[in-house]
PDB file of N, CA and C in Angstrom:
ATOM      1  N   MET A   1      10.275   0.353   1.916  1.00  0.00           N
ATOM      2  CA  MET A   1      11.204   0.142   0.832  1.00  0.00           C
ATOM      3  C   MET A   1      10.783   0.940  -0.403  1.00  0.00           C
ATOM      4  N   TYR A   2       9.495   0.928  -0.697  1.00  0.00           N
ATOM      5  CA  TYR A   2       8.999   1.665  -1.859  1.00  0.00           C
ATOM      6  C   TYR A   2       9.192   3.161  -1.650  1.00  0.00           C
ATOM      7  N   GLU A   3       8.828   3.641  -0.475  1.00  0.00           N
ATOM      8  CA  GLU A   3       8.945   5.066  -0.179  1.00  0.00           C
ATOM      9  C   GLU A   3      10.393   5.540  -0.256  1.00  0.00           C
ATOM     10  N   GLU A   4      11.320   4.685   0.131  1.00  0.00           N
ATOM     11  CA  GLU A   4      12.740   5.041   0.117  1.00  0.00           C
ATOM     12  C   GLU A   4      13.389   4.816  -1.246  1.00  0.00           C
ATOM     13  N   GLY A   5      12.624   4.291  -2.202  1.00  0.00           N
ATOM     14  CA  GLY A   5      13.158   4.075  -3.543  1.00  0.00           C
ATOM     15  C   GLY A   5      14.053   2.866  -3.671  1.00  0.00           C
ATOM     16  N   VAL A   6      13.976   1.957  -2.714  1.00  0.00           N
ATOM     17  CA  VAL A   6      14.811   0.758  -2.747  1.00  0.00           C
ATOM     18  C   VAL A   6      14.380  -0.173  -3.874  1.00  0.00           C
ATOM     19  N   GLY A   7      13.082  -0.191  -4.151  1.00  0.00           N
ATOM     20  CA  GLY A   7      12.579  -1.040  -5.221  1.00  0.00           C
ATOM     21  C   GLY A   7      11.264  -0.514  -5.747  1.00  0.00           C
ATOM     22  N   SER A   8      10.924  -0.957  -6.942  1.00  0.00           N
ATOM     23  CA  SER A   8       9.640  -0.577  -7.531  1.00  0.00           C
ATOM     24  C   SER A   8       8.525  -1.395  -6.886  1.00  0.00           C
ATOM     25  N   ALA A   9       7.290  -1.002  -7.130  1.00  0.00           N
ATOM     26  CA  ALA A   9       6.152  -1.766  -6.615  1.00  0.00           C
ATOM     27  C   ALA A   9       6.211  -3.197  -7.152  1.00  0.00           C
ATOM     28  N   GLU A  10       6.540  -3.329  -8.425  1.00  0.00           N
ATOM     29  CA  GLU A  10       6.642  -4.654  -9.035  1.00  0.00           C
ATOM     30  C   GLU A  10       7.719  -5.495  -8.363  1.00  0.00           C
ATOM     31  N   ASP A  11       8.872  -4.896  -8.112  1.00  0.00           N
ATOM     32  CA  ASP A  11       9.973  -5.618  -7.467  1.00  0.00           C
ATOM     33  C   ASP A  11       9.583  -6.087  -6.067  1.00  0.00           C
ATOM     34  N   ILE A  12       8.993  -5.206  -5.298  1.00  0.00           N
ATOM     35  CA  ILE A  12       8.629  -5.528  -3.918  1.00  0.00           C
ATOM     36  C   ILE A  12       7.570  -6.628  -3.891  1.00  0.00           C
ATOM     37  N   ASP A  13       6.562  -6.512  -4.744  1.00  0.00           N
ATOM     38  CA  ASP A  13       5.527  -7.540  -4.788  1.00  0.00           C
ATOM     39  C   ASP A  13       6.083  -8.873  -5.282  1.00  0.00           C
ATOM     40  N   TYR A  14       6.977  -8.835  -6.245  1.00  0.00           N
ATOM     41  CA  TYR A  14       7.597 -10.061  -6.755  1.00  0.00           C
ATOM     42  C   TYR A  14       8.376 -10.779  -5.645  1.00  0.00           C
ATOM     43  N   ILE A  15       9.163 -10.029  -4.911  1.00  0.00           N
ATOM     44  CA  ILE A  15       9.952 -10.620  -3.826  1.00  0.00           C
ATOM     45  C   ILE A  15       9.048 -11.218  -2.759  1.00  0.00           C
ATOM     46  N   ALA A  16       7.963 -10.512  -2.418  1.00  0.00           N
ATOM     47  CA  ALA A  16       7.034 -11.030  -1.404  1.00  0.00           C
ATOM     48  C   ALA A  16       6.386 -12.325  -1.871  1.00  0.00           C
ATOM     49  N   LYS A  17       6.020 -12.368  -3.148  1.00  0.00           N
ATOM     50  CA  LYS A  17       5.367 -13.569  -3.676  1.00  0.00           C
ATOM     51  C   LYS A  17       6.345 -14.726  -3.862  1.00  0.00           C
ATOM     52  N   GLU A  18       7.407 -14.466  -4.569  1.00  0.00           N
ATOM     53  CA  GLU A  18       8.344 -15.540  -4.925  1.00  0.00           C
ATOM     54  C   GLU A  18       9.300 -15.895  -3.791  1.00  0.00           C
ATOM     55  N   GLY A  19       9.738 -14.895  -3.053  1.00  0.00           N
ATOM     56  CA  GLY A  19      10.718 -15.148  -1.997  1.00  0.00           C
ATOM     57  C   GLY A  19      10.110 -15.515  -0.656  1.00  0.00           C
ATOM     58  N   LEU A  20       8.942 -14.960  -0.356  1.00  0.00           N
ATOM     59  CA  LEU A  20       8.317 -15.190   0.946  1.00  0.00           C
ATOM     60  C   LEU A  20       7.069 -16.056   0.870  1.00  0.00           C
ATOM     61  N   GLY A  21       6.620 -16.354  -0.342  1.00  0.00           N
ATOM     62  CA  GLY A  21       5.469 -17.229  -0.518  1.00  0.00           C
ATOM     63  C   GLY A  21       4.114 -16.573  -0.296  1.00  0.00           C
ATOM     64  N   PHE A  22       4.076 -15.238  -0.340  1.00  0.00           N
ATOM     65  CA  PHE A  22       2.793 -14.547  -0.195  1.00  0.00           C
ATOM     66  C   PHE A  22       1.932 -14.830  -1.433  1.00  0.00           C
ATOM     67  N   PRO A  23       0.617 -14.956  -1.270  1.00  0.00           N
ATOM     68  CA  PRO A  23      -0.242 -15.183  -2.432  1.00  0.00           C
ATOM     69  C   PRO A  23      -0.412 -13.932  -3.305  1.00  0.00           C
ATOM     70  N   ILE A  24      -0.210 -12.769  -2.718  1.00  0.00           N
ATOM     71  CA  ILE A  24      -0.293 -11.493  -3.430  1.00  0.00           C
ATOM     72  C   ILE A  24       0.691 -10.536  -2.760  1.00  0.00           C
ATOM     73  N   GLY A  25       1.297  -9.689  -3.547  1.00  0.00           N
ATOM     74  CA  GLY A  25       2.261  -8.743  -2.982  1.00  0.00           C
ATOM     75  C   GLY A  25       1.571  -7.709  -2.111  1.00  0.00           C
ATOM     76  N   PRO A  26       2.275  -7.141  -1.135  1.00  0.00           N
ATOM     77  CA  PRO A  26       1.659  -6.207  -0.194  1.00  0.00           C
ATOM     78  C   PRO A  26       1.171  -4.908  -0.837  1.00  0.00           C
ATOM     79  N   LEU A  27       1.824  -4.439  -1.871  1.00  0.00           N
ATOM     80  CA  LEU A  27       1.396  -3.196  -2.503  1.00  0.00           C
ATOM     81  C   LEU A  27       0.196  -3.432  -3.414  1.00  0.00           C
ATOM     82  N   ARG A  28       0.163  -4.562  -4.104  1.00  0.00           N
ATOM     83  CA  ARG A  28      -1.000  -4.917  -4.919  1.00  0.00           C
ATOM     84  C   ARG A  28      -2.199  -5.142  -3.992  1.00  0.00           C
ATOM     85  N   LEU A  29      -1.978  -5.740  -2.832  1.00  0.00           N
ATOM     86  CA  LEU A  29      -3.043  -5.955  -1.853  1.00  0.00           C
ATOM     87  C   LEU A  29      -3.573  -4.625  -1.323  1.00  0.00           C
ATOM     88  N   ALA A  30      -2.681  -3.693  -1.035  1.00  0.00           N
ATOM     89  CA  ALA A  30      -3.100  -2.366  -0.568  1.00  0.00           C
ATOM     90  C   ALA A  30      -3.980  -1.689  -1.612  1.00  0.00           C
ATOM     91  N   ASP A  31      -3.615  -1.809  -2.879  1.00  0.00           N
ATOM     92  CA  ASP A  31      -4.430  -1.241  -3.953  1.00  0.00           C
ATOM     93  C   ASP A  31      -5.796  -1.911  -4.019  1.00  0.00           C
ATOM     94  N   ALA A  32      -5.837  -3.219  -3.849  1.00  0.00           N
ATOM     95  CA  ALA A  32      -7.101  -3.951  -3.915  1.00  0.00           C
ATOM     96  C   ALA A  32      -8.022  -3.588  -2.742  1.00  0.00           C
ATOM     97  N   LEU A  33      -7.457  -3.484  -1.560  1.00  0.00           N
ATOM     98  CA  LEU A  33      -8.244  -3.122  -0.373  1.00  0.00           C
ATOM     99  C   LEU A  33      -8.654  -1.658  -0.405  1.00  0.00           C
ATOM    100  N   GLY A  34      -7.771  -0.834  -0.911  1.00  0.00           N
ATOM    101  CA  GLY A  34      -7.937   0.616  -0.904  1.00  0.00           C
ATOM    102  C   GLY A  34      -6.864   1.204   0.005  1.00  0.00           C
ATOM    103  N   VAL A  35      -6.037   2.050  -0.554  1.00  0.00           N
ATOM    104  CA  VAL A  35      -4.953   2.659   0.221  1.00  0.00           C
ATOM    105  C   VAL A  35      -5.535   3.461   1.384  1.00  0.00           C
ATOM    106  N   ASP A  36      -6.710   4.056   1.171  1.00  0.00           N
ATOM    107  CA  ASP A  36      -7.369   4.793   2.249  1.00  0.00           C
ATOM    108  C   ASP A  36      -7.780   3.874   3.400  1.00  0.00           C
ATOM    109  N   VAL A  37      -8.216   2.668   3.072  1.00  0.00           N
ATOM    110  CA  VAL A  37      -8.592   1.690   4.101  1.00  0.00           C
ATOM    111  C   VAL A  37      -7.347   1.245   4.857  1.00  0.00           C
ATOM    112  N   VAL A  38      -6.284   0.954   4.132  1.00  0.00           N
ATOM    113  CA  VAL A  38      -5.024   0.553   4.763  1.00  0.00           C
ATOM    114  C   VAL A  38      -4.536   1.647   5.712  1.00  0.00           C
ATOM    115  N   LEU A  39      -4.622   2.897   5.277  1.00  0.00           N
ATOM    116  CA  LEU A  39      -4.199   4.019   6.117  1.00  0.00           C
ATOM    117  C   LEU A  39      -5.015   4.062   7.406  1.00  0.00           C
ATOM    118  N   LYS A  40      -6.333   3.947   7.309  1.00  0.00           N
ATOM    119  CA  LYS A  40      -7.194   3.994   8.505  1.00  0.00           C
ATOM    120  C   LYS A  40      -6.887   2.845   9.459  1.00  0.00           C
ATOM    121  N   VAL A  41      -6.684   1.657   8.918  1.00  0.00           N
ATOM    122  CA  VAL A  41      -6.366   0.498   9.754  1.00  0.00           C
ATOM    123  C   VAL A  41      -5.050   0.726  10.483  1.00  0.00           C
ATOM    124  N   MET A  42      -4.047   1.201   9.763  1.00  0.00           N
ATOM    125  CA  MET A  42      -2.746   1.441  10.386  1.00  0.00           C
ATOM    126  C   MET A  42      -2.818   2.533  11.447  1.00  0.00           C
ATOM    127  N   GLU A  43      -3.589   3.591  11.177  1.00  0.00           N
ATOM    128  CA  GLU A  43      -3.759   4.645  12.178  1.00  0.00           C
ATOM    129  C   GLU A  43      -4.426   4.090  13.436  1.00  0.00           C
ATOM    130  N   ASN A  44      -5.428   3.257  13.253  1.00  0.00           N
ATOM    131  CA  ASN A  44      -6.119   2.654  14.386  1.00  0.00           C
ATOM    132  C   ASN A  44      -5.181   1.740  15.169  1.00  0.00           C
ATOM    133  N   LEU A  45      -4.435   0.905  14.476  1.00  0.00           N
ATOM    134  CA  LEU A  45      -3.482   0.019  15.150  1.00  0.00           C
ATOM    135  C   LEU A  45      -2.429   0.821  15.904  1.00  0.00           C
ATOM    136  N   SER A  46      -1.943   1.883  15.286  1.00  0.00           N
ATOM    137  CA  SER A  46      -0.924   2.727  15.915  1.00  0.00           C
ATOM    138  C   SER A  46      -1.443   3.374  17.197  1.00  0.00           C
ATOM    139  N   GLU A  47      -2.669   3.880  17.141  1.00  0.00           N
ATOM    140  CA  GLU A  47      -3.250   4.559  18.299  1.00  0.00           C
ATOM    141  C   GLU A  47      -3.637   3.592  19.419  1.00  0.00           C
ATOM    142  N   ASN A  48      -4.074   2.394  19.048  1.00  0.00           N
ATOM    143  CA  ASN A  48      -4.651   1.488  20.040  1.00  0.00           C
ATOM    144  C   ASN A  48      -3.830   0.257  20.390  1.00  0.00           C
ATOM    145  N   ILE A  49      -2.883  -0.093  19.550  1.00  0.00           N
ATOM    146  CA  ILE A  49      -2.110  -1.321  19.785  1.00  0.00           C
ATOM    147  C   ILE A  49      -0.632  -1.034  20.013  1.00  0.00           C
ATOM    148  N   ASP A  50       0.009  -0.451  19.002  1.00  0.00           N
ATOM    149  CA  ASP A  50       1.455  -0.266  19.078  1.00  0.00           C
ATOM    150  C   ASP A  50       1.888   0.798  18.075  1.00  0.00           C
ATOM    151  N   LYS A  51       2.709   1.707  18.494  1.00  0.00           N
ATOM    152  CA  LYS A  51       3.193   2.798  17.639  1.00  0.00           C
ATOM    153  C   LYS A  51       4.004   2.299  16.449  1.00  0.00           C
ATOM    154  N   ARG A  52       4.444   1.053  16.488  1.00  0.00           N
ATOM    155  CA  ARG A  52       5.186   0.506  15.352  1.00  0.00           C
ATOM    156  C   ARG A  52       4.340   0.477  14.087  1.00  0.00           C
ATOM    157  N   TYR A  53       3.022   0.558  14.240  1.00  0.00           N
ATOM    158  CA  TYR A  53       2.116   0.538  13.096  1.00  0.00           C
ATOM    159  C   TYR A  53       1.822   1.934  12.550  1.00  0.00           C
ATOM    160  N   THR A  54       2.540   2.924  13.006  1.00  0.00           N
ATOM    161  CA  THR A  54       2.341   4.286  12.505  1.00  0.00           C
ATOM    162  C   THR A  54       2.546   4.287  10.990  1.00  0.00           C
ATOM    163  N   PRO A  55       1.538   4.754  10.242  1.00  0.00           N
ATOM    164  CA  PRO A  55       1.661   4.717   8.782  1.00  0.00           C
ATOM    165  C   PRO A  55       2.712   5.697   8.268  1.00  0.00           C
ATOM    166  N   CYS A  56       3.329   5.322   7.177  1.00  0.00           N
ATOM    167  CA  CYS A  56       4.332   6.188   6.559  1.00  0.00           C
ATOM    168  C   CYS A  56       3.655   7.372   5.878  1.00  0.00           C
ATOM    169  N   GLU A  57       4.413   8.414   5.671  1.00  0.00           N
ATOM    170  CA  GLU A  57       3.902   9.635   5.039  1.00  0.00           C
ATOM    171  C   GLU A  57       3.411   9.373   3.616  1.00  0.00           C
ATOM    172  N   LEU A  58       4.010   8.411   2.945  1.00  0.00           N
ATOM    173  CA  LEU A  58       3.611   8.112   1.576  1.00  0.00           C
ATOM    174  C   LEU A  58       2.135   7.733   1.502  1.00  0.00           C
ATOM    175  N   LEU A  59       1.659   6.914   2.437  1.00  0.00           N
ATOM    176  CA  LEU A  59       0.245   6.529   2.427  1.00  0.00           C
ATOM    177  C   LEU A  59      -0.658   7.745   2.594  1.00  0.00           C
ATOM    178  N   LYS A  60      -0.282   8.630   3.490  1.00  0.00           N
ATOM    179  CA  LYS A  60      -1.073   9.843   3.711  1.00  0.00           C
ATOM    180  C   LYS A  60      -1.101  10.710   2.458  1.00  0.00           C
ATOM    181  N   THR A  61       0.037  10.869   1.828  1.00  0.00           N
ATOM    182  CA  THR A  61       0.142  11.671   0.611  1.00  0.00           C
ATOM    183  C   THR A  61      -0.686  11.060  -0.521  1.00  0.00           C
ATOM    184  N   MET A  62      -0.618   9.748  -0.649  1.00  0.00           N
ATOM    185  CA  MET A  62      -1.381   9.069  -1.692  1.00  0.00           C
ATOM    186  C   MET A  62      -2.881   9.297  -1.501  1.00  0.00           C
ATOM    187  N   VAL A  63      -3.361   9.118  -0.275  1.00  0.00           N
ATOM    188  CA  VAL A  63      -4.786   9.294   0.002  1.00  0.00           C
ATOM    189  C   VAL A  63      -5.202  10.743  -0.234  1.00  0.00           C
ATOM    190  N   GLU A  64      -4.403  11.691   0.236  1.00  0.00           N
ATOM    191  CA  GLU A  64      -4.713  13.113   0.044  1.00  0.00           C
ATOM    192  C   GLU A  64      -4.800  13.488  -1.431  1.00  0.00           C
ATOM    193  N   SER A  65      -4.018  12.809  -2.267  1.00  0.00           N
ATOM    194  CA  SER A  65      -4.019  13.123  -3.697  1.00  0.00           C
ATOM    195  C   SER A  65      -5.001  12.250  -4.485  1.00  0.00           C
ATOM    196  N   GLY A  66      -5.790  11.449  -3.765  1.00  0.00           N
ATOM    197  CA  GLY A  66      -6.813  10.639  -4.425  1.00  0.00           C
ATOM    198  C   GLY A  66      -6.338   9.328  -4.992  1.00  0.00           C
ATOM    199  N   LYS A  67      -5.111   8.953  -4.719  1.00  0.00           N
ATOM    200  CA  LYS A  67      -4.568   7.690  -5.218  1.00  0.00           C
ATOM    201  C   LYS A  67      -4.882   6.584  -4.202  1.00  0.00           C
ATOM    202  N   THR A  68      -6.096   6.054  -4.315  1.00  0.00           N
ATOM    203  CA  THR A  68      -6.562   5.074  -3.331  1.00  0.00           C
ATOM    204  C   THR A  68      -6.566   3.651  -3.856  1.00  0.00           C
ATOM    205  N   GLY A  69      -5.941   3.409  -4.985  1.00  0.00           N
ATOM    206  CA  GLY A  69      -5.851   2.054  -5.517  1.00  0.00           C
ATOM    207  C   GLY A  69      -6.799   1.805  -6.667  1.00  0.00           C
ATOM    208  N   LYS A  70      -7.246   0.568  -6.784  1.00  0.00           N
ATOM    209  CA  LYS A  70      -8.087   0.171  -7.915  1.00  0.00           C
ATOM    210  C   LYS A  70      -9.323   1.041  -8.057  1.00  0.00           C
ATOM    211  N   LYS A  71      -9.950   1.391  -6.940  1.00  0.00           N
ATOM    212  CA  LYS A  71     -11.215   2.134  -7.015  1.00  0.00           C
ATOM    213  C   LYS A  71     -11.055   3.526  -7.621  1.00  0.00           C
ATOM    214  N   SER A  72      -9.865   4.095  -7.529  1.00  0.00           N
ATOM    215  CA  SER A  72      -9.636   5.418  -8.121  1.00  0.00           C
ATOM    216  C   SER A  72      -8.885   5.327  -9.448  1.00  0.00           C
ATOM    217  N   GLY A  73      -8.403   4.138  -9.774  1.00  0.00           N
ATOM    218  CA  GLY A  73      -7.647   3.950 -11.007  1.00  0.00           C
ATOM    219  C   GLY A  73      -6.150   4.096 -10.836  1.00  0.00           C
ATOM    220  N   GLU A  74      -5.723   4.534  -9.641  1.00  0.00           N
ATOM    221  CA  GLU A  74      -4.298   4.695  -9.388  1.00  0.00           C
ATOM    222  C   GLU A  74      -3.991   4.544  -7.909  1.00  0.00           C
ATOM    223  N   GLY A  75      -2.918   3.857  -7.641  1.00  0.00           N
ATOM    224  CA  GLY A  75      -2.403   3.659  -6.285  1.00  0.00           C
ATOM    225  C   GLY A  75      -0.911   3.398  -6.436  1.00  0.00           C
ATOM    226  N   PHE A  76      -0.470   2.251  -5.994  1.00  0.00           N
ATOM    227  CA  PHE A  76       0.910   1.851  -6.253  1.00  0.00           C
ATOM    228  C   PHE A  76       1.060   1.450  -7.722  1.00  0.00           C
ATOM    229  N   TYR A  77      -0.060   1.058  -8.314  1.00  0.00           N
ATOM    230  CA  TYR A  77      -0.133   0.700  -9.725  1.00  0.00           C
ATOM    231  C   TYR A  77      -1.180   1.594 -10.387  1.00  0.00           C
ATOM    232  N   THR A  78      -1.176   1.611 -11.719  1.00  0.00           N
ATOM    233  CA  THR A  78      -2.195   2.345 -12.469  1.00  0.00           C
ATOM    234  C   THR A  78      -3.121   1.317 -13.100  1.00  0.00           C
ATOM    235  N   TYR A  79      -4.422   1.586 -13.014  1.00  0.00           N
ATOM    236  CA  TYR A  79      -5.448   0.672 -13.510  1.00  0.00           C
ATOM    237  C   TYR A  79      -6.250   1.359 -14.596  1.00  0.00           C
ATOM    238  N   LYS A  80      -6.591   0.596 -15.618  1.00  0.00           N
ATOM    239  CA  LYS A  80      -7.434   1.111 -16.696  1.00  0.00           C
ATOM    240  C   LYS A  80      -8.862   1.197 -16.189  1.00  0.00           C
ATOM    241  N   LYS A  81      -9.489   2.318 -16.452  1.00  0.00           N
ATOM    242  CA  LYS A  81     -10.888   2.465 -16.072  1.00  0.00           C
ATOM    243  C   LYS A  81     -11.746   1.815 -17.137  1.00  0.00           C
ATOM    244  N   LYS A  82     -12.820   1.155 -16.675  1.00  0.00           N
ATOM    245  CA  LYS A  82     -13.718   0.467 -17.603  1.00  0.00           C
ATOM    246  C   LYS A  82     -14.734   1.402 -18.176  1.00  0.00           C
TER     247      LYS A  82
END
């Protein structure tokens, strides 16, 4: 949805939390875990479990450009560096 421009990261996370009862939105969670980690997990699942887990191009582009989430200061969200 984010990659297709259907909603912002904030919108998608809000819907997941408020509408589906998730404790944290999926994009905020990806940033916390590390977008690079999420990409590797999805690649592994795709290769070994089911092709439905093939990661989207957006994740690959984000990792290639260094946008790995909180640890880099930018992912789906931008974080202030301490």
